[in-house]
Each structure stands twice: as C-alpha cells, then as structure tokens.
Protein backbone atom coordinates (compact mmCIF):
# COMPACT_ATOMS: atom_id res chain seq x y z
CA MET A 1 0.00 0.00 0.00
CA GLU A 2 1.56 3.30 -1.14
CA LYS A 3 1.74 6.18 1.31
CA PHE A 4 2.37 9.90 0.85
CA THR A 5 5.02 11.30 3.18
CA LYS A 6 5.19 15.07 2.60
CA SER A 7 3.49 17.68 4.78
CA PHE A 8 0.31 19.38 3.58
CA THR A 9 1.19 22.45 5.67
CA GLN A 10 4.74 22.96 4.40
CA GLN A 11 4.80 26.11 2.32
CA ALA A 12 7.45 27.11 -0.19
CA PRO A 13 10.30 29.10 1.36
CA ILE A 14 10.35 32.87 1.24
CA PRO A 15 12.40 33.90 -1.84
CA ASP A 16 16.04 34.73 -1.17
CA GLU A 17 15.35 38.36 -2.09
CA GLY A 18 12.67 38.52 0.59
CA ILE A 19 14.95 37.02 3.21
CA ALA A 20 17.69 39.50 2.31
CA LEU A 21 15.26 42.44 2.45
CA ALA A 22 13.85 41.21 5.78
CA ILE A 23 17.38 41.01 7.21
CA GLU A 24 18.04 44.53 5.95
CA VAL A 25 14.90 45.76 7.69
CA MET A 26 15.85 44.00 10.94
CA GLN A 27 19.38 45.36 10.84
CA SER A 28 18.00 48.86 10.39
CA GLY A 29 15.80 48.44 13.46
CA ARG A 30 13.05 50.35 11.62
CA LEU A 31 10.26 47.80 11.51
CA HIS A 32 7.45 50.33 12.03
CA ARG A 33 6.06 51.62 8.74
CA TYR A 34 6.17 55.28 9.76
CA ASN A 35 9.78 55.16 10.97
CA VAL A 36 11.16 56.84 7.84
CA GLU A 37 13.15 59.93 6.98
CA GLN A 38 11.52 62.89 5.26
CA GLY A 39 10.58 61.88 1.70
CA GLU A 40 11.64 58.24 2.20
CA LYS A 41 9.35 55.34 1.33
CA SER A 42 9.09 52.46 3.79
CA THR A 43 9.09 48.82 2.69
CA THR A 44 5.37 48.76 3.45
CA ASP A 45 4.89 51.77 1.16
CA LEU A 46 6.75 49.95 -1.61
CA LEU A 47 4.50 46.91 -1.21
CA GLU A 48 1.35 49.04 -1.36
CA ILE A 49 2.57 50.86 -4.46
CA ALA A 50 3.46 47.59 -6.19
CA PHE A 51 0.18 45.86 -5.33
CA ALA A 52 -1.89 48.88 -6.39
CA LYS A 53 -0.07 48.81 -9.73
CA TYR A 54 -0.70 45.07 -10.07
CA LEU A 55 -4.45 45.54 -9.47
CA GLY A 56 -4.63 48.69 -11.59
CA VAL A 57 -5.98 50.88 -8.77
CA ASP A 58 -4.73 54.04 -7.10
CA ASN A 59 -5.16 53.04 -3.48
CA CYS A 60 -3.78 50.17 -1.39
CA LEU A 61 -3.41 49.70 2.37
CA ALA A 62 -1.39 46.92 4.01
CA CYS A 63 -3.07 45.60 7.16
CA ALA A 64 -2.46 43.14 9.97
CA SER A 65 -4.83 40.57 8.45
CA CYS A 66 -7.50 40.14 5.79
CA GLY A 67 -10.14 39.81 8.51
CA TYR A 68 -9.07 43.17 9.89
CA ALA A 69 -9.16 44.67 6.38
CA LEU A 70 -12.70 43.36 5.86
CA HIS A 71 -13.83 44.89 9.14
CA ILE A 72 -12.59 48.38 8.35
CA ALA A 73 -13.72 48.06 4.71
CA LEU A 74 -17.27 47.55 5.95
CA ARG A 75 -17.02 50.60 8.19
CA CYS A 76 -15.46 52.65 5.39
CA VAL A 77 -18.40 52.05 3.03
CA GLY A 78 -20.87 53.11 5.71
CA VAL A 79 -21.90 49.95 7.56
CA THR A 80 -23.13 50.90 11.02
CA GLN A 81 -24.68 49.25 14.06
CA GLY A 82 -27.72 47.18 13.13
CA ASP A 83 -27.23 47.22 9.37
CA LEU A 84 -27.80 44.09 7.30
CA VAL A 85 -24.99 42.73 5.11
CA LEU A 86 -25.62 40.08 2.47
CA CYS A 87 -22.97 37.36 2.53
CA ASN A 88 -22.63 33.93 0.91
CA ALA A 89 -23.02 31.10 3.41
CA PHE A 90 -19.98 29.18 2.15
CA THR A 91 -17.06 31.14 3.56
CA LEU A 92 -14.63 31.06 6.47
CA ALA A 93 -15.29 32.37 9.96
CA PRO A 94 -13.43 35.72 9.65
CA VAL A 95 -16.02 36.92 7.11
CA PRO A 96 -19.12 36.82 9.34
CA GLY A 97 -16.73 37.81 12.12
CA ALA A 98 -15.88 41.03 10.30
CA ILE A 99 -19.58 41.79 9.82
CA ASN A 100 -20.20 41.17 13.52
CA ASN A 101 -17.21 43.35 14.42
CA ALA A 102 -18.74 46.20 12.43
CA GLY A 103 -21.94 45.88 14.50
CA ALA A 104 -23.96 44.55 11.57
CA THR A 105 -25.94 41.36 10.98
CA PRO A 106 -25.17 38.92 8.14
CA VAL A 107 -27.96 37.92 5.79
CA LEU A 108 -26.70 34.54 4.62
CA VAL A 109 -27.23 33.73 0.95
CA ASP A 110 -27.39 30.16 -0.32
CA ILE A 111 -24.79 28.65 -2.66
CA ASP A 112 -25.04 26.70 -5.91
CA GLN A 113 -23.68 23.28 -6.82
CA ASN A 114 -20.34 24.82 -7.83
CA LEU A 115 -19.71 26.53 -4.47
CA CYS A 116 -20.50 30.06 -5.65
CA ILE A 117 -23.14 32.38 -4.27
CA ASP A 118 -26.62 31.43 -5.52
CA LEU A 119 -27.49 34.43 -7.67
CA ASP A 120 -31.23 33.73 -7.64
CA ASP A 121 -31.19 33.67 -3.84
CA LEU A 122 -29.05 36.83 -3.84
CA GLU A 123 -31.58 38.55 -6.09
CA TYR A 124 -34.43 37.52 -3.82
CA LYS A 125 -32.75 38.49 -0.55
CA ALA A 126 -31.49 41.78 -1.98
CA SER A 127 -35.07 42.68 -2.83
CA GLN A 128 -36.65 41.40 0.39
CA SER A 129 -34.13 42.11 3.16
CA GLY A 130 -33.50 45.80 2.63
CA ALA A 131 -29.74 45.22 2.89
CA LYS A 132 -27.58 47.73 1.04
CA PHE A 133 -24.25 45.90 1.29
CA LEU A 134 -22.91 42.67 -0.21
CA LEU A 135 -19.76 41.09 1.20
CA LEU A 136 -18.97 38.58 -1.55
CA SER A 137 -16.52 35.87 -0.58
CA HIS A 138 -14.74 34.13 -3.47
CA MET A 139 -14.45 31.10 -1.22
CA ARG A 140 -11.69 28.63 -2.08
CA GLY A 141 -11.10 30.51 -5.32
CA HIS A 142 -14.53 29.91 -6.88
CA ILE A 143 -15.69 33.08 -8.67
CA ALA A 144 -19.38 33.66 -9.31
CA ASP A 145 -20.72 35.13 -12.54
CA MET A 146 -19.43 38.64 -11.87
CA ASP A 147 -21.38 40.12 -14.79
CA ARG A 148 -24.61 39.12 -13.09
CA VAL A 149 -23.33 40.03 -9.61
CA ILE A 150 -22.59 43.57 -10.79
CA ASP A 151 -25.99 43.78 -12.48
CA ILE A 152 -27.75 42.73 -9.26
CA CYS A 153 -25.72 45.22 -7.24
CA HIS A 154 -26.60 48.05 -9.61
CA ARG A 155 -30.33 47.26 -9.70
CA HIS A 156 -30.61 46.90 -5.92
CA ASP A 157 -28.20 49.70 -5.03
CA LEU A 158 -25.81 47.33 -3.24
CA THR A 159 -22.32 48.38 -2.22
CA LEU A 160 -19.99 45.49 -3.13
CA ILE A 161 -17.10 44.46 -0.88
CA GLU A 162 -15.00 41.63 -2.32
CA ASP A 163 -13.32 39.08 -0.08
CA CYS A 164 -10.44 37.96 -2.31
CA ALA A 165 -8.54 35.94 0.29
CA HIS A 166 -8.49 32.98 -2.13
CA THR A 167 -8.41 34.76 -5.53
CA MET A 168 -5.22 36.82 -5.63
CA GLY A 169 -4.17 36.76 -9.29
CA ALA A 170 -7.44 35.24 -10.53
CA LYS A 171 -9.65 36.88 -13.15
CA TRP A 172 -13.21 36.97 -14.40
CA ASN A 173 -13.45 37.56 -18.14
CA GLY A 174 -9.92 39.01 -18.15
CA LYS A 175 -10.52 41.40 -15.24
CA LEU A 176 -8.66 40.81 -11.98
CA SER A 177 -10.58 39.63 -8.96
CA GLY A 178 -10.72 42.54 -6.53
CA SER A 179 -11.30 45.15 -9.23
CA PHE A 180 -15.10 44.73 -9.37
CA GLY A 181 -16.15 46.01 -5.96
CA ASP A 182 -16.14 49.37 -4.23
CA VAL A 183 -13.45 47.87 -2.02
CA ALA A 184 -11.64 44.51 -1.96
CA CYS A 185 -9.53 42.71 0.62
CA PHE A 186 -6.77 40.14 0.08
CA SER A 187 -4.98 37.82 2.48
CA THR A 188 -1.28 37.10 2.93
CA GLN A 189 -1.86 34.54 5.68
CA THR A 190 0.57 31.65 5.39
CA TYR A 191 -1.69 29.36 3.31
CA LYS A 192 -2.65 32.01 0.75
CA HIS A 193 -1.06 33.03 -2.57
CA MET A 194 1.50 35.22 -0.86
CA ASN A 195 2.84 34.31 2.58
CA SER A 196 3.77 36.71 5.37
CA GLY A 197 2.39 34.54 8.17
CA GLU A 198 -0.41 37.03 8.74
CA GLY A 199 -1.39 40.04 6.68
CA GLY A 200 -3.99 41.68 4.48
CA LEU A 201 -4.24 44.17 1.64
CA LEU A 202 -7.18 46.53 1.12
CA VAL A 203 -7.69 48.15 -2.29
CA THR A 204 -10.26 50.62 -3.58
CA PRO A 205 -10.68 53.09 -6.45
CA HIS A 206 -12.42 55.50 -4.07
CA HIS A 207 -10.25 58.11 -2.37
CA LYS A 208 -12.67 58.77 0.50
CA ILE A 209 -12.82 55.07 1.38
CA MET A 210 -9.03 54.86 1.41
CA ALA A 211 -8.70 57.99 3.53
CA LYS A 212 -10.96 56.44 6.16
CA ALA A 213 -9.20 53.08 5.94
CA ILE A 214 -5.80 54.65 6.57
CA ILE A 215 -7.07 56.48 9.65
CA TYR A 216 -8.83 53.34 10.92
CA SER A 217 -5.62 51.34 10.46
CA GLY A 218 -3.76 53.53 12.92
CA SER A 219 -1.97 56.24 10.96
CA TYR A 220 -2.45 58.83 13.72
CA MET A 221 -1.70 62.11 11.91
CA LEU A 222 0.92 60.49 9.67
CA TYR A 223 -1.54 59.73 6.88
CA ASP A 224 0.33 61.98 4.45
CA ARG A 225 3.22 59.49 4.50
CA HIS A 226 1.16 57.00 2.47
CA HIS A 227 1.95 56.87 -1.25
CA ALA A 228 -0.65 54.47 -2.73
CA ALA A 229 -3.24 56.85 -1.33
CA PRO A 230 -5.20 60.03 -2.08
CA ASP A 231 -3.90 63.56 -1.63
CA LYS A 232 -3.80 65.11 1.84
CA GLN A 233 -7.04 67.02 1.21
CA ALA A 234 -9.03 63.76 1.09
CA PHE A 235 -8.36 63.34 4.83
CA ASP A 236 -9.70 66.74 5.89
CA ASP A 237 -13.25 65.55 6.57
CA VAL A 238 -12.35 62.22 8.19
CA ARG A 239 -9.11 62.58 10.13
CA LEU A 240 -10.76 63.74 13.38
CA LEU A 241 -13.99 61.74 13.03
CA THR A 242 -12.50 58.29 12.35
CA PRO A 243 -11.33 56.09 15.26
CA ASN A 244 -7.91 54.46 15.37
CA TYR A 245 -8.45 50.67 15.25
CA SER A 246 -4.70 50.01 15.01
CA GLY A 247 -4.10 47.18 12.51
CA ARG A 248 -1.08 48.17 10.45
CA MET A 249 1.29 45.86 8.61
CA ASP A 250 4.96 46.25 9.55
CA ASN A 251 8.01 46.52 7.31
CA LEU A 252 9.26 43.05 8.16
CA ARG A 253 6.20 41.32 6.75
CA ALA A 254 6.14 43.67 3.77
CA ALA A 255 9.75 42.73 3.05
CA THR A 256 8.83 39.06 2.72
CA LEU A 257 5.96 39.90 0.35
CA LEU A 258 7.59 42.20 -2.21
CA PRO A 259 9.54 39.45 -4.03
CA GLN A 260 6.54 37.12 -3.85
CA LEU A 261 4.40 39.68 -5.66
CA ALA A 262 6.99 39.86 -8.43
CA LYS A 263 6.54 36.12 -9.07
CA LEU A 264 2.82 35.86 -8.28
CA ASP A 265 1.67 35.10 -11.82
CA GLU A 266 4.35 32.43 -12.17
CA ASP A 267 3.26 30.83 -8.89
CA CYS A 268 -0.39 30.94 -9.97
CA LYS A 269 0.47 28.85 -13.03
CA ALA A 270 2.34 26.38 -10.81
CA TRP A 271 -0.67 26.03 -8.48
CA ASN A 272 -3.01 25.43 -11.41
CA LEU A 273 -0.69 22.78 -12.84
CA ARG A 274 -0.90 20.87 -9.54
CA HIS A 275 -4.66 21.33 -9.39
CA ASP A 276 -5.16 20.05 -12.93
CA ILE A 277 -3.06 16.92 -12.34
CA VAL A 278 -5.10 16.01 -9.25
CA ALA A 279 -8.39 16.92 -10.95
CA GLU A 280 -7.66 14.73 -13.98
CA VAL A 281 -7.02 11.66 -11.83
CA LEU A 282 -10.05 12.30 -9.60
CA ALA A 283 -12.23 12.74 -12.69
CA SER A 284 -11.39 9.17 -13.69
CA CYS A 285 -13.50 7.95 -10.76
CA ASP A 286 -17.24 8.05 -11.54
CA LYS A 287 -18.07 8.34 -7.84
CA ILE A 288 -16.27 11.69 -7.47
CA ARG A 289 -17.79 15.00 -8.56
CA LEU A 290 -15.62 18.00 -9.37
CA THR A 291 -16.94 21.54 -9.49
CA GLU A 292 -17.65 23.05 -12.89
CA ARG A 293 -16.24 26.44 -13.85
CA SER A 294 -17.27 29.05 -16.39
CA ASP A 295 -15.07 29.66 -19.41
CA LYS A 296 -14.92 33.28 -18.22
CA GLU A 297 -13.21 32.30 -14.97
CA GLN A 298 -9.41 32.31 -14.90
CA PHE A 299 -9.05 30.73 -11.49
CA VAL A 300 -6.05 30.26 -9.22
CA ALA A 301 -6.15 26.98 -7.30
CA SER A 302 -4.04 26.65 -4.16
CA SER A 303 -6.48 23.92 -3.10
CA ILE A 304 -9.01 21.58 -4.67
CA GLN A 305 -12.62 20.80 -3.74
CA PHE A 306 -14.57 17.72 -4.73
CA SER A 307 -17.49 15.68 -3.48
CA VAL A 308 -18.55 12.05 -3.23
CA PRO A 309 -22.33 12.56 -3.36
CA SER A 310 -23.40 8.99 -2.59
CA LEU A 311 -21.40 8.42 0.61
CA GLY A 312 -23.04 8.53 4.04
CA TYR A 313 -21.83 10.38 7.13
CA HIS A 314 -19.92 7.51 8.73
CA GLN A 315 -18.46 6.52 5.35
CA PHE A 316 -16.97 10.01 5.09
CA GLU A 317 -15.47 9.67 8.55
CA SER A 318 -13.88 6.38 7.51
CA LEU A 319 -12.68 7.74 4.15
CA ILE A 320 -10.93 10.70 5.77
CA GLU A 321 -9.35 8.46 8.40
CA ARG A 322 -8.07 5.97 5.80
CA CYS A 323 -6.66 8.73 3.59
CA ALA A 324 -4.93 10.27 6.62
CA HIS A 325 -3.42 6.85 7.46
CA ARG A 326 -1.86 6.93 3.99
CA GLY A 327 -0.59 10.50 4.46
CA VAL A 328 -3.29 12.39 2.55
CA VAL A 329 -4.93 15.12 4.63
CA ILE A 330 -8.47 15.99 3.54
CA LYS A 331 -10.91 18.34 5.25
CA TRP A 332 -14.66 17.72 5.21
CA PHE A 333 -17.24 20.50 5.36
CA GLY A 334 -19.99 18.02 6.21
CA SER A 335 -18.72 17.19 9.68
CA HIS A 336 -21.13 18.00 12.52
CA VAL A 337 -18.23 19.49 14.49
CA PRO A 338 -16.02 22.32 13.14
CA GLU A 339 -12.37 21.32 12.94
CA SER A 340 -9.20 23.29 12.26
CA TYR A 341 -10.06 26.15 9.84
CA THR A 342 -13.13 24.34 8.51
CA SER A 343 -16.58 25.36 9.68
CA LYS A 344 -19.97 26.05 8.12
CA TYR A 345 -22.68 28.58 8.68
CA ASP A 346 -24.54 26.64 11.38
CA SER A 347 -21.35 26.68 13.51
CA TRP A 348 -21.55 30.46 14.00
CA ALA A 349 -24.05 30.46 16.84
CA TYR A 350 -23.25 34.08 17.73
CA LEU A 351 -25.18 35.13 14.61
CA GLY A 352 -28.41 34.49 16.51
CA ASP A 353 -31.53 33.11 14.85
CA SER A 354 -30.63 30.10 12.76
CA VAL A 355 -31.53 29.84 9.08
CA THR A 356 -31.85 26.82 6.84
CA LEU A 357 -30.13 26.94 3.47
CA SER A 358 -31.18 23.75 1.78
CA ASN A 359 -28.72 23.81 -1.10
CA ALA A 360 -25.75 24.75 1.08
CA ASP A 361 -26.65 21.94 3.47
CA GLN A 362 -26.81 19.44 0.62
CA VAL A 363 -23.60 20.61 -1.08
CA LEU A 364 -21.48 20.95 2.05
CA ALA A 365 -22.59 17.57 3.43
CA THR A 366 -20.42 15.79 0.84
CA LEU A 367 -17.78 18.44 0.16
CA LEU A 368 -14.10 17.60 0.60
CA ASP A 369 -11.26 20.12 0.58
CA MET A 370 -7.51 19.63 0.16
CA ARG A 371 -4.51 21.96 0.11
CA LEU A 372 -2.06 21.89 -2.80
CA PRO A 373 1.12 23.63 -1.62
CA LEU A 374 3.85 24.45 -4.12
CA THR A 375 6.15 22.10 -2.22
CA PHE A 376 4.32 19.23 -3.98
CA ASP A 377 5.72 18.19 -7.36
CA GLU A 378 3.84 16.56 -10.23
CA ALA A 379 4.61 13.03 -9.04
CA ASP A 380 3.28 13.96 -5.58
CA CYS A 381 0.02 15.19 -7.09
CA ASN A 382 -0.44 12.00 -9.07
CA LEU A 383 0.19 9.86 -5.98
CA ILE A 384 -2.16 11.88 -3.77
CA ALA A 385 -4.98 11.66 -6.30
CA LYS A 386 -4.36 7.94 -6.82
CA ILE A 387 -4.65 7.30 -3.07
CA ILE A 388 -7.91 9.27 -2.89
CA VAL A 389 -9.44 7.35 -5.79
CA GLU A 390 -8.39 4.02 -4.27
CA GLU A 391 -9.92 4.91 -0.92
CA VAL A 392 -13.13 6.23 -2.46
CA GLU A 393 -13.49 3.00 -4.41
CA ALA A 394 -12.79 1.03 -1.22
CA SER A 395 -15.73 2.82 0.43
CA TYR A 396 -18.06 0.88 -1.87
CA GLU A 397 -16.58 -2.58 -1.34
C-alpha cells in the first residue's frame, strides 16, 4: 500500500530576495512603517505601491490581516450598528466575524452546486431584506458570474465588498478579482497566494474610502506618509472623526511579500498545474464529482474541492481516516463538528436566529477540501490523487 510522506502544511520558502530584504529591515531596526526619513518610502509603502499597480488601482493599504481589512472596509463604506450585510453562506469564519465586528448582521445567501453564491437567492434576498451591502466571498477561489453580480448590485443599489482571500491573481473575463467592488480585501496569511504569516491588503478606487481606511488602520496624523493613497485634502473631513483601530502591517512582513508579488503570476500557473493533475485523476472515478467552472473564470487553485455525493456520514469519517493513514490530509465540510479552519454557517451560533439553506446543506454535506502547496511536485500530485481514488473506491466494497 503506497503512502504519501510530505506535509500538507509545508509552504514554499520565502524567496532569497525577501529574506535578504527582511534582514536589511531588521538590521536597520526600523520595523514600524512610519519610521522613515523625510521623503523616504518604507518597505510597506513599496509593497502598497506595487500591489496597487498590479491591481490597476490608485489606493492600497497593508493591514495586519485580511479579517481586519474586511472589518474596516465595511465601516469605510458606511456599515453601522444594526445594518444588514448580504454574505454567501460558504465562507470562512473571519467573514461573518468582520460583519459582527462592524456591528452589523449577516444575511446569509445560499450557494449553488459549484460553491459560488446562488445568484437567484441573492436577487431575492437583496429585494426582500432591505440590505444595502454585499460582502462577496470568493471562497476557495470559486468566482461567481461577476457580470450578473454587478448587475444585481446596480439594480438593488448594493455596495460590493469583495473578499479575495483565495483569488489573488485570478480573473473573471480578463478582469482581476478585486477590481469589481467598491473595495476589496486580500490575504497574505501563510496558506494564501503570498505568505507573510499574517497580513492583508485593502484596495479601492475611491479616495474617500481609502482615507478612512488609513485612519482606521492607525496612521495617527501620519496619513500623508502614504503613497498608494489620495492627496492630503481627502483626509480633511475624516481625520478627526474616524477612530484608530490600530491594525497596520509592519516593514518586516512587507519585506517578505515584495519578491513574492513579483513572481505571483508564475506561482499561480504552478498552483493550477498541480490542481489540474489532481483533478484529472479524480475525474477518472465516476463516484467523485468535481466543481464546474465558467469559461470566463481564470481561477487560481491553491487547493481543490470535490465531493462524493453517494457516501453517508460515517463513510466520510472512515474515508478521511483511511486517507490520513496513507498521508493524505483531507478536510470535510460536512462534519457535525467544526475542525481546524473548517466550519460552516450553522457553527456560527453568535449570529443568533438560525436559518436553513437547503442547497448549502446538501452541497457541504459531501464536500471535501484539500490543500495543494507548491512544495508538492507533479509526481506527488499524481500519488495523492491515486490514493484518494483508491480509498473512495474502497468505500463501496
């Protein structure tokens, strides 16, 4: 019986250039982003400038985490205590957490068979709930039909906030994820497309939103030291009315990210190669269902999702245990108990009154999820997929 021996949590090393830049920052002792000489740009400034250029926007703010960025993004677009925020039910806990942190209440929207927000349910709840905000999570890199999302937002006067934690470098119909909404937030947590351990990036085309975000992040009165940002005058109306929620990124983390951004598109291709190898082998098993994607979606896959629709609850428990025994770590969204980073909407009891989302319940009950780090080579991907297929087939013996 073949076993897989590599770690599913071992990320690729930080590029040598990032290590060298991080050492330079540490030797300088100037880790704080505002510890610069007059006219000098900090490493964090350089990251913001580079990422804004990559996204094709004017404004970028580096934050302590994506969850933090989502929280202040909601406040920046006008979410206040008691507001309703539409949000797809298939997401990770920091997303409803950000809504809760902003004092608002999530209105959970169902999902479709391909793990995207159910646009018919979105249309209905946008018309019936009275919500004026949509926090759209591109969960696990699955991008909804953004043409229709934008149409719904326009017709129902919804402000769109994109959670792009899993879609850095991905596109819809040639347009980068994160460039559709009024504001978008990206993650640089260690399992995302760029790795600084923790970190987030907030982007927006709107100067007033960015002015508020910078003050929220903890700029004090040093906001004019930002470079991927609006002119000083944009801060006049907000600088004394916006609280300091202190959530800045530091120069050390920015140093590790700059070289990763330079090779992001190359890494995205490498992730998709690994995904496609695994997907091809899994597709050979008629008991496994893979998600379908639109031709307009240019996805980036640092993980893969698939389902085994005909297995029962205890069969899934056994399948996951047998795969783990052979070194293949799979997460299951259908478990009754949240584990590790994996939870589903009925685990967030703090949201209050429970809702039933029939399609989400059905889809998540049989949904499996697996990381594909760049430390895996092509032979690894073939072996992993082969083990999964063997164990799925064994479930029916």
